[in-house]
């Protein structure tokens, strides 16, 4: 369930194959393991249309549209990594 203070920044198309492996869609490179390299759709309708088209031609997995939320203060991994490195230097 979505919290009321979470901001949706876009949509990713993901595919889970029969082995449980998850990949993400990019029109140029097709299915990728890294969601950061996948296409971030701004409009849900566009993502759903592409996902339906991809699912129609895919018999080896399930294609879904996933919400991407804006990272909050608790989700800022880069700051945590930077802080750990600073502590190691001290």
PDB file of N, CA and C in Angstrom:
ATOM      1  N   UNK A   1       0.840  -1.175   0.000  1.00  0.00           N
ATOM      2  CA  UNK A   1       0.000   0.000   0.000  1.00  0.00           C
ATOM      3  C   UNK A   1       0.893   1.249   0.000  1.00  0.00           C
ATOM      4  N   UNK A   2       0.517   2.219  -0.736  1.00  0.00           N
ATOM      5  CA  UNK A   2       1.305   3.446  -0.898  1.00  0.00           C
ATOM      6  C   UNK A   2       1.008   4.430   0.228  1.00  0.00           C
ATOM      7  N   UNK A   3       2.086   4.935   0.870  1.00  0.00           N
ATOM      8  CA  UNK A   3       1.914   5.983   1.872  1.00  0.00           C
ATOM      9  C   UNK A   3       1.514   7.266   1.169  1.00  0.00           C
ATOM     10  N   UNK A   4       0.784   8.118   1.864  1.00  0.00           N
ATOM     11  CA  UNK A   4       0.308   9.352   1.251  1.00  0.00           C
ATOM     12  C   UNK A   4       1.431  10.337   0.983  1.00  0.00           C
ATOM     13  N   UNK A   5       2.581  10.211   1.697  1.00  0.00           N
ATOM     14  CA  UNK A   5       3.672  11.148   1.489  1.00  0.00           C
ATOM     15  C   UNK A   5       4.705  10.668   0.466  1.00  0.00           C
ATOM     16  N   UNK A   6       4.516   9.474  -0.100  1.00  0.00           N
ATOM     17  CA  UNK A   6       5.434   8.973  -1.116  1.00  0.00           C
ATOM     18  C   UNK A   6       5.058   9.569  -2.473  1.00  0.00           C
ATOM     19  N   UNK A   7       6.064  10.008  -3.213  1.00  0.00           N
ATOM     20  CA  UNK A   7       5.846  10.629  -4.511  1.00  0.00           C
ATOM     21  C   UNK A   7       6.251   9.648  -5.612  1.00  0.00           C
ATOM     22  N   UNK A   8       5.327   9.379  -6.533  1.00  0.00           N
ATOM     23  CA  UNK A   8       5.622   8.514  -7.665  1.00  0.00           C
ATOM     24  C   UNK A   8       6.379   9.338  -8.694  1.00  0.00           C
ATOM     25  N   UNK A   9       7.572   8.857  -9.086  1.00  0.00           N
ATOM     26  CA  UNK A   9       8.369   9.591 -10.072  1.00  0.00           C
ATOM     27  C   UNK A   9       8.283   8.954 -11.455  1.00  0.00           C
ATOM     28  N   UNK A  10       7.760   7.736 -11.531  1.00  0.00           N
ATOM     29  CA  UNK A  10       7.637   7.100 -12.831  1.00  0.00           C
ATOM     30  C   UNK A  10       7.273   5.630 -12.698  1.00  0.00           C
ATOM     31  N   UNK A  11       7.463   4.920 -13.822  1.00  0.00           N
ATOM     32  CA  UNK A  11       7.072   3.517 -13.901  1.00  0.00           C
ATOM     33  C   UNK A  11       8.145   2.741 -14.641  1.00  0.00           C
ATOM     34  N   UNK A  12       8.425   1.533 -14.170  1.00  0.00           N
ATOM     35  CA  UNK A  12       9.345   0.615 -14.839  1.00  0.00           C
ATOM     36  C   UNK A  12       8.563  -0.600 -15.298  1.00  0.00           C
ATOM     37  N   UNK A  13       9.005  -1.175 -16.401  1.00  0.00           N
ATOM     38  CA  UNK A  13       8.440  -2.446 -16.839  1.00  0.00           C
ATOM     39  C   UNK A  13       9.401  -3.525 -16.382  1.00  0.00           C
ATOM     40  N   UNK A  14       8.867  -4.500 -15.641  1.00  0.00           N
ATOM     41  CA  UNK A  14       9.709  -5.585 -15.171  1.00  0.00           C
ATOM     42  C   UNK A  14       9.144  -6.917 -15.650  1.00  0.00           C
ATOM     43  N   UNK A  15      10.044  -7.887 -15.776  1.00  0.00           N
ATOM     44  CA  UNK A  15       9.657  -9.218 -16.225  1.00  0.00           C
ATOM     45  C   UNK A  15      10.235 -10.245 -15.270  1.00  0.00           C
ATOM     46  N   UNK A  16       9.385 -11.123 -14.787  1.00  0.00           N
ATOM     47  CA  UNK A  16       9.845 -12.236 -13.972  1.00  0.00           C
ATOM     48  C   UNK A  16       9.700 -13.500 -14.797  1.00  0.00           C
ATOM     49  N   UNK A  17      10.848 -14.178 -15.036  1.00  0.00           N
ATOM     50  CA  UNK A  17      10.791 -15.382 -15.859  1.00  0.00           C
ATOM     51  C   UNK A  17      10.389 -16.588 -15.011  1.00  0.00           C
ATOM     52  N   UNK A  18      10.285 -17.730 -15.649  1.00  0.00           N
ATOM     53  CA  UNK A  18       9.831 -18.943 -14.974  1.00  0.00           C
ATOM     54  C   UNK A  18      10.760 -19.378 -13.849  1.00  0.00           C
ATOM     55  N   UNK A  19      12.021 -18.932 -13.867  1.00  0.00           N
ATOM     56  CA  UNK A  19      12.991 -19.272 -12.817  1.00  0.00           C
ATOM     57  C   UNK A  19      12.996 -18.253 -11.679  1.00  0.00           C
ATOM     58  N   UNK A  20      12.159 -17.216 -11.763  1.00  0.00           N
ATOM     59  CA  UNK A  20      12.091 -16.200 -10.730  1.00  0.00           C
ATOM     60  C   UNK A  20      13.070 -15.049 -10.919  1.00  0.00           C
ATOM     61  N   UNK A  21      13.806 -15.056 -12.035  1.00  0.00           N
ATOM     62  CA  UNK A  21      14.749 -13.968 -12.315  1.00  0.00           C
ATOM     63  C   UNK A  21      13.979 -12.734 -12.778  1.00  0.00           C
ATOM     64  N   UNK A  22      14.359 -11.567 -12.246  1.00  0.00           N
ATOM     65  CA  UNK A  22      13.674 -10.324 -12.601  1.00  0.00           C
ATOM     66  C   UNK A  22      14.602  -9.459 -13.453  1.00  0.00           C
ATOM     67  N   UNK A  23      14.050  -8.963 -14.570  1.00  0.00           N
ATOM     68  CA  UNK A  23      14.777  -8.056 -15.452  1.00  0.00           C
ATOM     69  C   UNK A  23      13.873  -6.865 -15.754  1.00  0.00           C
ATOM     70  N   UNK A  24      14.499  -5.805 -16.276  1.00  0.00           N
ATOM     71  CA  UNK A  24      13.787  -4.549 -16.510  1.00  0.00           C
ATOM     72  C   UNK A  24      13.958  -4.123 -17.959  1.00  0.00           C
ATOM     73  N   UNK A  25      12.942  -3.477 -18.525  1.00  0.00           N
ATOM     74  CA  UNK A  25      12.880  -3.169 -19.944  1.00  0.00           C
ATOM     75  C   UNK A  25      13.523  -1.836 -20.302  1.00  0.00           C
ATOM     76  N   UNK A  26      14.320  -1.875 -21.352  1.00  0.00           N
ATOM     77  CA  UNK A  26      14.852  -0.678 -21.998  1.00  0.00           C
ATOM     78  C   UNK A  26      14.723  -0.913 -23.498  1.00  0.00           C
ATOM     79  N   UNK A  27      14.046  -0.043 -24.232  1.00  0.00           N
ATOM     80  CA  UNK A  27      13.822  -0.277 -25.661  1.00  0.00           C
ATOM     81  C   UNK A  27      15.107  -0.462 -26.475  1.00  0.00           C
ATOM     82  N   UNK A  28      16.178   0.180 -26.078  1.00  0.00           N
ATOM     83  CA  UNK A  28      17.435   0.071 -26.818  1.00  0.00           C
ATOM     84  C   UNK A  28      18.174  -1.221 -26.508  1.00  0.00           C
ATOM     85  N   UNK A  29      18.254  -1.576 -25.234  1.00  0.00           N
ATOM     86  CA  UNK A  29      19.045  -2.732 -24.805  1.00  0.00           C
ATOM     87  C   UNK A  29      18.209  -3.943 -24.418  1.00  0.00           C
ATOM     88  N   UNK A  30      16.904  -3.830 -24.517  1.00  0.00           N
ATOM     89  CA  UNK A  30      15.939  -4.857 -24.155  1.00  0.00           C
ATOM     90  C   UNK A  30      15.998  -5.180 -22.666  1.00  0.00           C
ATOM     91  N   UNK A  31      16.000  -6.449 -22.263  1.00  0.00           N
ATOM     92  CA  UNK A  31      15.875  -6.814 -20.851  1.00  0.00           C
ATOM     93  C   UNK A  31      17.218  -6.711 -20.139  1.00  0.00           C
ATOM     94  N   UNK A  32      17.242  -5.929 -19.040  1.00  0.00           N
ATOM     95  CA  UNK A  32      18.460  -5.673 -18.270  1.00  0.00           C
ATOM     96  C   UNK A  32      18.254  -6.070 -16.813  1.00  0.00           C
ATOM     97  N   UNK A  33      19.335  -6.440 -16.140  1.00  0.00           N
ATOM     98  CA  UNK A  33      19.251  -6.807 -14.730  1.00  0.00           C
ATOM     99  C   UNK A  33      19.195  -5.586 -13.812  1.00  0.00           C
ATOM    100  N   UNK A  34      19.778  -4.479 -14.239  1.00  0.00           N
ATOM    101  CA  UNK A  34      19.862  -3.282 -13.399  1.00  0.00           C
ATOM    102  C   UNK A  34      18.684  -2.348 -13.671  1.00  0.00           C
ATOM    103  N   UNK A  35      17.814  -2.120 -12.680  1.00  0.00           N
ATOM    104  CA  UNK A  35      16.671  -1.234 -12.905  1.00  0.00           C
ATOM    105  C   UNK A  35      17.088   0.207 -13.187  1.00  0.00           C
ATOM    106  N   UNK A  36      18.283   0.597 -12.758  1.00  0.00           N
ATOM    107  CA  UNK A  36      18.755   1.958 -13.011  1.00  0.00           C
ATOM    108  C   UNK A  36      19.078   2.208 -14.477  1.00  0.00           C
ATOM    109  N   UNK A  37      19.245   1.151 -15.248  1.00  0.00           N
ATOM    110  CA  UNK A  37      19.539   1.289 -16.668  1.00  0.00           C
ATOM    111  C   UNK A  37      18.287   1.136 -17.538  1.00  0.00           C
ATOM    112  N   UNK A  38      17.165   0.816 -16.915  1.00  0.00           N
ATOM    113  CA  UNK A  38      15.914   0.615 -17.646  1.00  0.00           C
ATOM    114  C   UNK A  38      15.257   1.945 -17.953  1.00  0.00           C
ATOM    115  N   UNK A  39      14.300   1.903 -18.880  1.00  0.00           N
ATOM    116  CA  UNK A  39      13.551   3.110 -19.233  1.00  0.00           C
ATOM    117  C   UNK A  39      12.587   3.451 -18.108  1.00  0.00           C
ATOM    118  N   UNK A  40      12.619   4.698 -17.660  1.00  0.00           N
ATOM    119  CA  UNK A  40      11.681   5.192 -16.664  1.00  0.00           C
ATOM    120  C   UNK A  40      10.559   5.921 -17.413  1.00  0.00           C
ATOM    121  N   UNK A  41       9.386   5.344 -17.370  1.00  0.00           N
ATOM    122  CA  UNK A  41       8.224   5.937 -18.034  1.00  0.00           C
ATOM    123  C   UNK A  41       7.604   6.994 -17.139  1.00  0.00           C
ATOM    124  N   UNK A  42       7.248   8.117 -17.731  1.00  0.00           N
ATOM    125  CA  UNK A  42       6.591   9.181 -16.972  1.00  0.00           C
ATOM    126  C   UNK A  42       5.087   8.956 -16.892  1.00  0.00           C
ATOM    127  N   UNK A  43       4.516   8.334 -17.921  1.00  0.00           N
ATOM    128  CA  UNK A  43       3.072   8.130 -17.980  1.00  0.00           C
ATOM    129  C   UNK A  43       2.741   6.654 -17.811  1.00  0.00           C
ATOM    130  N   UNK A  44       1.832   6.383 -16.902  1.00  0.00           N
ATOM    131  CA  UNK A  44       1.426   5.013 -16.618  1.00  0.00           C
ATOM    132  C   UNK A  44       0.806   4.353 -17.858  1.00  0.00           C
ATOM    133  N   UNK A  45       0.029   5.107 -18.624  1.00  0.00           N
ATOM    134  CA  UNK A  45      -0.634   4.551 -19.798  1.00  0.00           C
ATOM    135  C   UNK A  45       0.393   4.041 -20.819  1.00  0.00           C
ATOM    136  N   UNK A  46       1.469   4.804 -21.018  1.00  0.00           N
ATOM    137  CA  UNK A  46       2.515   4.407 -21.965  1.00  0.00           C
ATOM    138  C   UNK A  46       3.219   3.138 -21.475  1.00  0.00           C
ATOM    139  N   UNK A  47       3.516   3.081 -20.185  1.00  0.00           N
ATOM    140  CA  UNK A  47       4.169   1.898 -19.613  1.00  0.00           C
ATOM    141  C   UNK A  47       3.271   0.667 -19.746  1.00  0.00           C
ATOM    142  N   UNK A  48       1.985   0.837 -19.457  1.00  0.00           N
ATOM    143  CA  UNK A  48       1.056  -0.284 -19.545  1.00  0.00           C
ATOM    144  C   UNK A  48       0.886  -0.770 -20.981  1.00  0.00           C
ATOM    145  N   UNK A  49       0.862   0.149 -21.942  1.00  0.00           N
ATOM    146  CA  UNK A  49       0.740  -0.237 -23.351  1.00  0.00           C
ATOM    147  C   UNK A  49       1.969  -1.029 -23.798  1.00  0.00           C
ATOM    148  N   UNK A  50       3.173  -0.556 -23.434  1.00  0.00           N
ATOM    149  CA  UNK A  50       4.395  -1.279 -23.792  1.00  0.00           C
ATOM    150  C   UNK A  50       4.458  -2.638 -23.094  1.00  0.00           C
ATOM    151  N   UNK A  51       4.043  -2.679 -21.823  1.00  0.00           N
ATOM    152  CA  UNK A  51       4.055  -3.936 -21.067  1.00  0.00           C
ATOM    153  C   UNK A  51       3.109  -4.951 -21.702  1.00  0.00           C
ATOM    154  N   UNK A  52       1.939  -4.506 -22.131  1.00  0.00           N
ATOM    155  CA  UNK A  52       0.984  -5.407 -22.775  1.00  0.00           C
ATOM    156  C   UNK A  52       1.566  -5.949 -24.068  1.00  0.00           C
ATOM    157  N   UNK A  53       2.192  -5.081 -24.852  1.00  0.00           N
ATOM    158  CA  UNK A  53       2.815  -5.500 -26.105  1.00  0.00           C
ATOM    159  C   UNK A  53       3.930  -6.516 -25.846  1.00  0.00           C
ATOM    160  N   UNK A  54       4.745  -6.250 -24.823  1.00  0.00           N
ATOM    161  CA  UNK A  54       5.838  -7.166 -24.485  1.00  0.00           C
ATOM    162  C   UNK A  54       5.298  -8.501 -23.975  1.00  0.00           C
ATOM    163  N   UNK A  55       4.236  -8.467 -23.170  1.00  0.00           N
ATOM    164  CA  UNK A  55       3.664  -9.700 -22.632  1.00  0.00           C
ATOM    165  C   UNK A  55       3.056 -10.550 -23.746  1.00  0.00           C
ATOM    166  N   UNK A  56       2.448  -9.893 -24.728  1.00  0.00           N
ATOM    167  CA  UNK A  56       1.834 -10.627 -25.829  1.00  0.00           C
ATOM    168  C   UNK A  56       2.850 -11.473 -26.586  1.00  0.00           C
ATOM    169  N   UNK A  57       4.101 -11.026 -26.654  1.00  0.00           N
ATOM    170  CA  UNK A  57       5.126 -11.768 -27.366  1.00  0.00           C
ATOM    171  C   UNK A  57       6.019 -12.608 -26.469  1.00  0.00           C
ATOM    172  N   UNK A  58       5.693 -12.705 -25.178  1.00  0.00           N
ATOM    173  CA  UNK A  58       6.561 -13.386 -24.214  1.00  0.00           C
ATOM    174  C   UNK A  58       5.840 -14.573 -23.588  1.00  0.00           C
ATOM    175  N   UNK A  59       6.388 -15.751 -23.788  1.00  0.00           N
ATOM    176  CA  UNK A  59       5.788 -16.952 -23.201  1.00  0.00           C
ATOM    177  C   UNK A  59       6.628 -17.510 -22.054  1.00  0.00           C
ATOM    178  N   UNK A  60       7.733 -16.837 -21.734  1.00  0.00           N
ATOM    179  CA  UNK A  60       8.652 -17.356 -20.716  1.00  0.00           C
ATOM    180  C   UNK A  60       8.602 -16.593 -19.402  1.00  0.00           C
ATOM    181  N   UNK A  61       7.689 -15.648 -19.265  1.00  0.00           N
ATOM    182  CA  UNK A  61       7.641 -14.889 -18.022  1.00  0.00           C
ATOM    183  C   UNK A  61       6.404 -14.020 -17.921  1.00  0.00           C
ATOM    184  N   UNK A  62       6.359 -13.249 -16.855  1.00  0.00           N
ATOM    185  CA  UNK A  62       5.248 -12.341 -16.604  1.00  0.00           C
ATOM    186  C   UNK A  62       5.768 -10.913 -16.603  1.00  0.00           C
ATOM    187  N   UNK A  63       5.154 -10.068 -17.412  1.00  0.00           N
ATOM    188  CA  UNK A  63       5.561  -8.670 -17.547  1.00  0.00           C
ATOM    189  C   UNK A  63       4.579  -7.807 -16.765  1.00  0.00           C
ATOM    190  N   UNK A  64       5.121  -6.928 -15.899  1.00  0.00           N
ATOM    191  CA  UNK A  64       4.287  -6.038 -15.089  1.00  0.00           C
ATOM    192  C   UNK A  64       4.864  -4.627 -15.099  1.00  0.00           C
ATOM    193  N   UNK A  65       4.024  -3.670 -14.717  1.00  0.00           N
ATOM    194  CA  UNK A  65       4.445  -2.283 -14.552  1.00  0.00           C
ATOM    195  C   UNK A  65       4.600  -2.029 -13.064  1.00  0.00           C
ATOM    196  N   UNK A  66       5.754  -1.497 -12.674  1.00  0.00           N
ATOM    197  CA  UNK A  66       6.040  -1.239 -11.263  1.00  0.00           C
ATOM    198  C   UNK A  66       6.212   0.262 -11.020  1.00  0.00           C
ATOM    199  N   UNK A  67       5.680   0.730  -9.906  1.00  0.00           N
ATOM    200  CA  UNK A  67       5.829   2.130  -9.519  1.00  0.00           C
ATOM    201  C   UNK A  67       7.250   2.399  -9.035  1.00  0.00           C
ATOM    202  N   UNK A  68       7.750   3.589  -9.339  1.00  0.00           N
ATOM    203  CA  UNK A  68       9.040   4.041  -8.827  1.00  0.00           C
ATOM    204  C   UNK A  68       8.758   5.268  -7.966  1.00  0.00           C
ATOM    205  N   UNK A  69       9.179   5.187  -6.708  1.00  0.00           N
ATOM    206  CA  UNK A  69       8.936   6.271  -5.765  1.00  0.00           C
ATOM    207  C   UNK A  69      10.185   7.116  -5.596  1.00  0.00           C
ATOM    208  N   UNK A  70       9.975   8.384  -5.259  1.00  0.00           N
ATOM    209  CA  UNK A  70      11.079   9.280  -4.940  1.00  0.00           C
ATOM    210  C   UNK A  70      11.754   8.779  -3.668  1.00  0.00           C
ATOM    211  N   UNK A  71      13.076   8.758  -3.668  1.00  0.00           N
ATOM    212  CA  UNK A  71      13.811   8.308  -2.490  1.00  0.00           C
ATOM    213  C   UNK A  71      13.631   9.314  -1.358  1.00  0.00           C
ATOM    214  N   UNK A  72      13.289   8.805  -0.191  1.00  0.00           N
ATOM    215  CA  UNK A  72      13.151   9.664   0.973  1.00  0.00           C
ATOM    216  C   UNK A  72      14.455   9.718   1.737  1.00  0.00           C
ATOM    217  N   UNK A  73      14.450  10.400   2.863  1.00  0.00           N
ATOM    218  CA  UNK A  73      15.651  10.508   3.686  1.00  0.00           C
ATOM    219  C   UNK A  73      16.143   9.146   4.145  1.00  0.00           C
ATOM    220  N   UNK A  74      15.223   8.251   4.460  1.00  0.00           N
ATOM    221  CA  UNK A  74      15.609   6.920   4.916  1.00  0.00           C
ATOM    222  C   UNK A  74      16.169   6.062   3.796  1.00  0.00           C
ATOM    223  N   UNK A  75      15.849   6.396   2.547  1.00  0.00           N
ATOM    224  CA  UNK A  75      16.255   5.588   1.409  1.00  0.00           C
ATOM    225  C   UNK A  75      17.484   6.125   0.694  1.00  0.00           C
ATOM    226  N   UNK A  76      18.163   7.096   1.260  1.00  0.00           N
ATOM    227  CA  UNK A  76      19.302   7.715   0.584  1.00  0.00           C
ATOM    228  C   UNK A  76      20.565   6.911   0.850  1.00  0.00           C
ATOM    229  N   UNK A  77      20.796   5.891   0.016  1.00  0.00           N
ATOM    230  CA  UNK A  77      21.910   4.957   0.190  1.00  0.00           C
ATOM    231  C   UNK A  77      23.252   5.643  -0.025  1.00  0.00           C
ATOM    232  N   UNK A  78      23.334   6.571  -0.946  1.00  0.00           N
ATOM    233  CA  UNK A  78      24.613   7.226  -1.244  1.00  0.00           C
ATOM    234  C   UNK A  78      25.160   7.946  -0.023  1.00  0.00           C
ATOM    235  N   UNK A  79      24.296   8.623   0.727  1.00  0.00           N
ATOM    236  CA  UNK A  79      24.740   9.333   1.921  1.00  0.00           C
ATOM    237  C   UNK A  79      25.284   8.366   2.965  1.00  0.00           C
ATOM    238  N   UNK A  80      24.631   7.204   3.107  1.00  0.00           N
ATOM    239  CA  UNK A  80      25.095   6.215   4.075  1.00  0.00           C
ATOM    240  C   UNK A  80      26.466   5.681   3.684  1.00  0.00           C
ATOM    241  N   UNK A  81      26.678   5.403   2.399  1.00  0.00           N
ATOM    242  CA  UNK A  81      27.971   4.905   1.937  1.00  0.00           C
ATOM    243  C   UNK A  81      29.052   5.957   2.136  1.00  0.00           C
ATOM    244  N   UNK A  82      28.740   7.216   1.821  1.00  0.00           N
ATOM    245  CA  UNK A  82      29.705   8.302   2.007  1.00  0.00           C
ATOM    246  C   UNK A  82      30.072   8.442   3.481  1.00  0.00           C
ATOM    247  N   UNK A  83      29.075   8.309   4.351  1.00  0.00           N
ATOM    248  CA  UNK A  83      29.306   8.442   5.783  1.00  0.00           C
ATOM    249  C   UNK A  83      30.211   7.319   6.293  1.00  0.00           C
ATOM    250  N   UNK A  84      29.991   6.099   5.794  1.00  0.00           N
ATOM    251  CA  UNK A  84      30.831   4.967   6.194  1.00  0.00           C
ATOM    252  C   UNK A  84      32.278   5.181   5.765  1.00  0.00           C
ATOM    253  N   UNK A  85      32.484   5.689   4.563  1.00  0.00           N
ATOM    254  CA  UNK A  85      33.835   5.946   4.077  1.00  0.00           C
ATOM    255  C   UNK A  85      34.512   7.022   4.895  1.00  0.00           C
ATOM    256  N   UNK A  86      33.777   8.064   5.291  1.00  0.00           N
ATOM    257  CA  UNK A  86      34.328   9.142   6.125  1.00  0.00           C
ATOM    258  C   UNK A  86      34.781   8.577   7.474  1.00  0.00           C
ATOM    259  N   UNK A  87      33.969   7.675   8.036  1.00  0.00           N
ATOM    260  CA  UNK A  87      34.308   7.100   9.333  1.00  0.00           C
ATOM    261  C   UNK A  87      35.550   6.223   9.253  1.00  0.00           C
ATOM    262  N   UNK A  88      35.754   5.537   8.137  1.00  0.00           N
ATOM    263  CA  UNK A  88      36.927   4.697   7.939  1.00  0.00           C
ATOM    264  C   UNK A  88      38.200   5.540   7.866  1.00  0.00           C
ATOM    265  N   UNK A  89      38.100   6.721   7.274  1.00  0.00           N
ATOM    266  CA  UNK A  89      39.249   7.605   7.119  1.00  0.00           C
ATOM    267  C   UNK A  89      39.666   8.225   8.448  1.00  0.00           C
ATOM    268  N   UNK A  90      38.684   8.444   9.320  1.00  0.00           N
ATOM    269  CA  UNK A  90      38.963   9.134  10.600  1.00  0.00           C
ATOM    270  C   UNK A  90      39.692   8.262  11.596  1.00  0.00           C
TER     271      UNK A  90
END
